[in-house]
Protein backbone atom coordinates (compact mmCIF):
# COMPACT_ATOMS: atom_id res chain seq x y z
CA MET A 1 107.00 100.85 133.36
CA SER A 2 110.25 102.54 134.46
CA ARG A 3 112.36 100.84 137.09
CA GLU A 4 113.40 102.27 140.44
CA TYR A 5 116.70 100.75 141.44
CA THR A 6 117.06 100.61 145.22
CA GLU A 7 120.16 99.41 147.05
CA ILE A 8 119.94 97.17 150.11
CA THR A 9 122.98 96.21 152.16
CA VAL A 10 123.06 93.59 154.90
CA VAL A 11 126.08 93.34 157.22
CA GLY A 12 126.54 91.22 160.33
CA GLU A 13 127.46 87.82 161.68
CA ASP A 14 126.91 85.01 159.20
CA SER A 15 124.03 82.68 160.02
CA THR A 16 121.98 79.99 158.31
CA GLY A 17 118.88 81.19 156.48
CA LEU A 18 119.79 84.87 156.57
CA ILE A 19 119.65 85.35 152.79
CA ALA A 20 116.36 83.48 152.55
CA ARG A 21 114.74 85.62 155.24
CA VAL A 22 115.66 88.88 153.51
CA THR A 23 114.75 87.77 149.99
CA THR A 24 111.44 86.32 151.19
CA LEU A 25 110.52 89.62 152.81
CA LEU A 26 111.17 91.39 149.51
CA PHE A 27 109.23 88.79 147.47
CA GLU A 28 106.21 89.17 149.74
CA ARG A 29 106.17 92.89 148.93
CA ASP A 30 106.44 92.44 145.15
CA ILE A 31 110.02 93.67 145.02
CA ASN A 32 112.12 92.16 142.25
CA ILE A 33 115.79 91.41 142.93
CA GLU A 34 117.91 92.57 139.99
CA ASP A 35 121.33 91.73 141.39
CA LEU A 36 122.64 90.01 144.54
CA ASP A 37 126.19 89.59 145.77
CA GLN A 38 127.43 88.19 149.06
CA ALA A 39 130.75 87.63 150.80
CA VAL A 40 132.23 86.74 154.18
CA ARG A 41 135.51 88.21 155.43
CA ASP A 42 136.93 87.95 158.96
CA ARG A 43 133.63 86.39 160.07
CA VAL A 44 131.70 89.44 158.82
CA PHE A 45 128.87 88.66 156.38
CA ARG A 46 127.92 91.12 153.65
CA MET A 47 125.12 90.99 151.11
CA THR A 48 124.41 93.77 148.64
CA MET A 49 121.33 93.80 146.47
CA THR A 50 119.98 95.99 143.72
CA VAL A 51 116.20 95.67 143.68
CA ASP A 52 113.38 97.19 141.64
CA THR A 53 110.88 98.93 143.92
CA ALA A 54 108.78 100.50 141.14
CA GLU A 55 105.83 98.15 141.74
CA MET A 56 106.28 97.20 145.38
CA SER A 57 103.10 96.71 147.37
CA CYS A 58 104.15 98.90 150.30
CA THR A 59 105.45 102.37 150.97
CA GLN A 60 109.10 103.25 151.39
CA ASP A 61 108.58 103.86 155.12
CA GLU A 62 106.83 100.50 155.49
CA LEU A 63 109.71 98.71 153.76
CA ARG A 64 112.28 100.48 155.95
CA GLU A 65 110.33 99.51 159.06
CA ALA A 66 109.97 95.87 157.96
CA LEU A 67 113.66 95.56 157.20
CA SER A 68 114.57 97.27 160.46
CA ASP A 69 112.43 94.80 162.42
CA LEU A 70 114.01 91.89 160.54
CA ALA A 71 117.49 93.30 161.20
CA ASP A 72 116.77 93.44 164.93
CA GLU A 73 115.48 89.87 164.85
CA LEU A 74 118.50 88.55 162.95
CA GLY A 75 121.07 90.68 164.78
CA VAL A 76 122.39 92.34 161.60
CA ASP A 77 122.48 95.83 160.11
CA ILE A 78 120.31 96.50 157.05
CA GLN A 79 120.59 99.74 155.06
CA VAL A 80 118.20 100.86 152.32
CA ARG A 81 118.98 103.55 149.76
CA PHE A 82 116.10 104.58 147.52
CA PRO A 83 116.78 106.56 144.30
CA ALA A 84 115.43 109.77 145.87
CA ASP A 85 117.88 109.39 148.76
CA ARG A 86 120.76 110.03 146.38
CA GLU A 87 119.63 113.26 144.70
CA THR A 88 121.85 115.35 146.97
CA GLN A 89 125.11 113.52 147.54
CA THR A 90 126.97 113.93 150.83
CA ILE A 91 130.66 113.21 151.28
CA ALA A 92 132.58 112.24 154.40
CA VAL A 93 136.32 112.80 154.01
CA LEU A 94 138.70 110.70 156.10
CA VAL A 95 142.13 112.23 156.78
CA THR A 96 145.28 111.79 158.80
CA LYS A 97 147.90 114.57 158.57
CA GLU A 98 148.57 115.34 154.88
CA SER A 99 146.46 118.26 153.66
CA HIS A 100 146.91 118.46 149.87
CA CYS A 101 144.04 116.16 148.85
CA LEU A 102 141.63 117.68 151.37
CA GLU A 103 142.55 121.16 150.12
CA ALA A 104 141.71 120.18 146.53
CA LEU A 105 138.33 118.79 147.58
CA PHE A 106 137.53 121.90 149.62
CA GLU A 107 138.54 124.24 146.79
CA ALA A 108 136.38 122.40 144.26
CA TRP A 109 133.48 122.40 146.73
CA ALA A 110 133.84 126.12 147.45
CA ASP A 111 133.90 126.85 143.70
CA GLY A 112 130.74 124.80 143.12
CA LYS A 113 132.64 122.29 141.00
CA LEU A 114 132.42 119.21 143.18
CA GLY A 115 128.81 118.22 142.60
CA ALA A 116 128.14 117.22 146.22
CA ASP A 117 128.33 118.53 149.77
CA ILE A 118 131.26 117.83 152.08
CA SER A 119 129.32 117.19 155.26
CA VAL A 120 132.04 116.07 157.68
CA ILE A 121 135.79 115.53 158.03
CA ILE A 122 136.83 112.56 160.15
CA GLY A 123 140.44 112.12 161.21
CA ASN A 124 142.52 109.68 163.20
CA HIS A 125 144.55 112.74 164.29
CA ASP A 126 143.38 116.32 164.78
CA ASP A 127 146.07 118.02 162.64
CA LEU A 128 143.65 119.07 159.88
CA GLU A 129 140.88 120.37 162.13
CA PRO A 130 141.90 124.02 161.47
CA LEU A 131 141.46 123.46 157.73
CA ALA A 132 137.97 122.04 158.28
CA ASP A 133 137.15 124.97 160.55
CA HIS A 134 138.25 127.39 157.83
CA TYR A 135 135.61 125.95 155.49
CA GLY A 136 132.98 125.66 158.22
CA VAL A 137 132.81 121.85 158.11
CA ASP A 138 132.44 119.67 161.21
CA PHE A 139 135.59 117.79 162.23
CA HIS A 140 135.70 114.68 164.41
CA ASP A 141 138.83 112.94 165.68
CA VAL A 142 138.19 109.21 166.14
CA GLY A 143 141.80 108.23 166.81
CA ASP A 144 143.54 107.50 170.09
CA GLU A 145 146.96 108.89 171.06
CA LYS A 146 148.58 106.52 168.55
CA GLY A 147 146.09 107.29 165.78
CA SER A 148 144.25 103.97 166.03
CA PRO A 149 140.66 104.76 165.01
CA ASP A 150 137.51 103.82 166.88
CA GLU A 151 135.58 102.27 163.99
CA GLU A 152 132.33 102.00 165.93
CA ARG A 153 132.43 105.76 166.42
CA LEU A 154 133.38 106.16 162.76
CA LEU A 155 130.32 104.19 161.69
CA GLU A 156 128.12 106.23 164.01
CA LEU A 157 129.36 109.45 162.40
CA LEU A 158 128.93 108.14 158.86
CA ASP A 159 125.34 107.26 159.73
CA GLU A 160 124.73 110.54 161.59
CA TYR A 161 125.85 112.57 158.57
CA ASP A 162 123.89 110.36 156.16
CA THR A 163 127.01 109.66 154.12
CA ASP A 164 126.68 108.77 150.44
CA LEU A 165 130.39 108.65 149.58
CA ILE A 166 133.50 108.17 151.70
CA VAL A 167 136.70 109.75 150.36
CA LEU A 168 140.04 108.72 151.82
CA ALA A 169 142.19 111.83 151.40
CA ARG A 170 145.50 110.25 152.43
CA TYR A 171 143.86 108.48 155.36
CA MET A 172 146.69 106.30 156.61
CA ARG A 173 144.67 103.49 158.12
CA ILE A 174 143.15 100.30 156.74
CA LEU A 175 139.37 100.11 156.96
CA SER A 176 138.01 96.84 158.32
CA PRO A 177 135.39 94.73 156.49
CA ASN A 178 132.87 96.05 159.02
CA VAL A 179 133.17 99.47 157.35
CA VAL A 180 133.97 98.46 153.77
CA PHE A 181 131.03 96.05 153.49
CA ARG A 182 128.58 98.77 154.53
CA TYR A 183 129.78 101.13 151.79
CA GLU A 184 130.48 98.78 148.89
CA ASP A 185 131.71 100.74 145.84
CA ARG A 186 131.19 103.98 147.78
CA ILE A 187 134.69 104.41 149.24
CA ILE A 188 137.37 106.05 147.07
CA ASN A 189 141.05 106.06 147.99
CA ILE A 190 144.08 107.74 146.44
CA HIS A 191 147.26 105.67 146.42
CA PRO A 192 150.63 107.16 145.39
CA SER A 193 151.69 104.52 142.90
CA LEU A 194 150.56 103.04 139.62
CA LEU A 195 148.69 100.11 141.08
CA PRO A 196 149.03 97.16 141.11
CA SER A 197 152.70 98.12 141.57
CA PHE A 198 153.81 99.17 145.05
CA PRO A 199 150.71 98.61 147.19
CA GLY A 200 150.81 99.18 150.92
CA ALA A 201 153.04 101.51 152.89
CA GLU A 202 155.65 103.94 151.52
CA PRO A 203 155.02 103.48 147.79
CA TYR A 204 157.26 106.42 146.83
CA ARG A 205 160.11 104.77 148.69
CA GLN A 206 159.33 101.48 146.95
CA ALA A 207 159.44 103.25 143.59
CA ARG A 208 162.80 104.81 144.48
CA GLU A 209 164.25 101.49 145.61
CA GLU A 210 163.05 99.68 142.48
CA GLY A 211 164.50 102.41 140.24
CA VAL A 212 161.37 102.97 138.14
CA ARG A 213 161.55 105.61 135.41
CA ILE A 214 157.81 106.34 135.45
CA ALA A 215 155.89 106.63 138.72
CA GLY A 216 152.33 107.69 139.35
CA VAL A 217 149.17 107.71 141.43
CA THR A 218 145.91 105.72 141.39
CA ALA A 219 142.40 106.54 142.57
CA HIS A 220 140.43 103.36 143.22
CA TYR A 221 137.44 101.94 145.02
CA VAL A 222 138.28 100.36 148.37
CA THR A 223 137.76 96.64 148.90
CA THR A 224 138.75 94.32 151.73
CA ASP A 225 141.95 93.52 149.79
CA LEU A 226 144.54 96.25 150.44
CA ASP A 227 145.10 98.54 147.43
CA GLN A 228 143.52 96.06 145.02
CA GLY A 229 140.16 97.68 144.43
CA PRO A 230 138.86 98.66 140.95
CA VAL A 231 140.92 101.46 139.39
CA ILE A 232 139.02 104.65 138.54
CA ALA A 233 141.72 107.05 137.34
CA GLN A 234 145.51 107.29 137.20
CA ARG A 235 148.23 109.86 136.52
CA ALA A 236 151.92 109.31 135.77
CA PHE A 237 155.11 111.35 136.01
CA ASN A 238 158.78 110.89 135.21
CA ALA A 239 161.05 109.64 137.97
CA PRO A 240 164.48 111.11 137.08
CA PRO A 241 167.57 109.02 137.79
CA GLY A 242 168.80 109.78 141.28
CA ALA A 243 165.54 111.42 142.39
CA SER A 244 165.04 111.21 146.14
CA VAL A 245 161.90 109.96 147.83
CA GLU A 246 161.13 113.57 148.77
CA GLU A 247 161.41 114.66 145.13
CA LEU A 248 159.06 111.89 144.04
CA GLU A 249 156.58 113.02 146.70
CA ARG A 250 156.78 116.64 145.48
CA ARG A 251 156.06 115.49 141.94
CA GLY A 252 153.30 113.11 142.98
CA GLN A 253 151.27 115.04 145.53
CA PRO A 254 149.66 117.51 143.08
CA LEU A 255 148.69 114.55 140.92
CA GLU A 256 147.27 112.74 143.95
CA ALA A 257 144.92 115.67 144.57
CA GLU A 258 143.99 116.00 140.88
CA THR A 259 143.33 112.30 140.39
CA LEU A 260 141.32 111.87 143.58
CA LEU A 261 139.15 114.84 142.61
CA GLU A 262 138.55 113.38 139.15
CA ALA A 263 137.60 109.99 140.60
CA VAL A 264 135.12 111.64 142.96
CA ARG A 265 133.51 113.52 140.08
CA LEU A 266 133.32 110.38 137.96
CA HIS A 267 131.53 108.60 140.80
CA LEU A 268 129.15 111.46 141.52
CA ASP A 269 128.33 111.81 137.83
CA LYS A 270 127.61 108.06 137.72
CA ALA A 271 130.01 107.91 134.79
CA VAL A 272 131.64 104.65 135.92
CA SER A 273 130.35 101.36 137.26
CA VAL A 274 132.09 98.35 138.76
CA TYR A 275 131.88 95.21 136.67
CA HIS A 276 133.72 91.96 137.43
CA GLY A 277 136.20 93.73 139.69
CA ARG A 278 137.05 96.61 137.37
CA THR A 279 135.49 99.93 136.50
CA GLU A 280 133.79 100.48 133.17
CA LEU A 281 132.61 103.72 131.59
CA ARG A 282 128.83 103.68 131.42
CA ASP A 283 127.35 103.60 127.91
CA ASP A 284 125.51 106.89 128.39
CA ALA A 285 128.41 108.69 130.09
CA ASP A 286 130.18 111.66 128.50
CA ALA A 287 133.91 111.09 128.99
CA SER A 288 135.01 114.27 127.22
CA GLY A 289 135.58 116.14 130.48
CA TYR A 290 137.75 113.47 132.06
CA GLN A 291 141.34 112.43 131.56
CA PHE A 292 141.45 109.00 133.29
CA GLY A 293 145.18 108.61 132.60
CA LEU A 294 147.79 110.48 130.57
CA PRO A 295 146.62 113.48 128.50
CA ALA A 296 145.53 112.79 124.93
CA SER A 297 148.49 114.81 123.62
CA VAL A 298 150.78 111.99 124.73
CA ASP A 299 149.24 109.69 122.11
CA GLU A 300 150.65 111.92 119.37
CA MET A 301 154.16 111.38 120.74
CA LEU A 302 153.97 107.59 120.67
CA ALA A 303 155.58 105.61 117.86
CA ASP A 304 153.02 104.02 115.55
CA ARG A 305 155.25 101.35 114.03
CA PRO A 306 156.53 98.69 113.74
CA VAL A 307 153.40 96.71 114.59
CA ASP A 308 153.35 92.93 114.76
CA GLY A 309 152.25 91.46 111.42
CA LEU A 310 153.11 94.54 109.34
CA GLY A 311 156.37 93.01 108.15
CA GLU A 312 154.58 89.91 106.88
CA ALA A 313 152.12 92.06 104.93
CA VAL A 314 154.94 94.00 103.26
CA SER A 315 156.80 90.78 102.51
CA SER A 316 153.76 89.20 100.84
CA GLU A 317 153.26 92.27 98.65
CA SER A 318 156.86 92.15 97.39
CA THR A 319 156.51 88.54 96.26
CA GLU A 320 153.39 89.15 94.21
């Protein structure tokens, strides 16, 4: 019997017996729990489950209705994603003012090379609305005059557009646990540094001040810890002595767009999975079309010796 892996996410205020109520409901409908993870951050409770619904004793609509009734009773939000729900992936792109990453996503989408539909652009400023209009994609500004986003409105839009994946295309705001917990391992960010170095604000300036000789960019899944989520892909570039912050930005921005696009494709192709806080290439994934880090040609330029222990081997041979 083949398995049907269904994802269930519970988010809300922590309360006694919550986990038991949800798991009991599933047990009563012959649904087997394959994996369960829970956390609490800033008084927000999150539980994510992967369950097998192949032999459940109810229909999908009946399960949705039962979980919805339980959610109302417990005062939490419960989302269910069946395998069939994910056949056509939809992407919500969050932006601020920088356009280069959004342009790369739009171009790949227009060329049929993205593998999903960009259903909505959500900004905390309206600067990039003309770009969304050019591609015929809905744009919503959820920011106030200072760019502070209304996250309740953001969540409403993500639900309205039935979002499968959230892409932060240089979105210059931190998402709260209330958002992150609802989209566990389904939010991808691009950060302009080789994480874990230079997290947070102004990473190019940090790289300049620290005098690094190699800088780079990182695409990663978003967690409640700032810029510490599992790394998906990275790119690097030389930082010449005396290079200004502006020069580092000019070198890095094309790589930001390229790396973010690759991370999105890896996710959509289900080529990577998150395991113990890091991403792993799935056993059945074909990695030939992806770069992940530096190009393979760089390996040919690397020195292959000396290697620790080689000198001892040579020494032992000479004494025989």
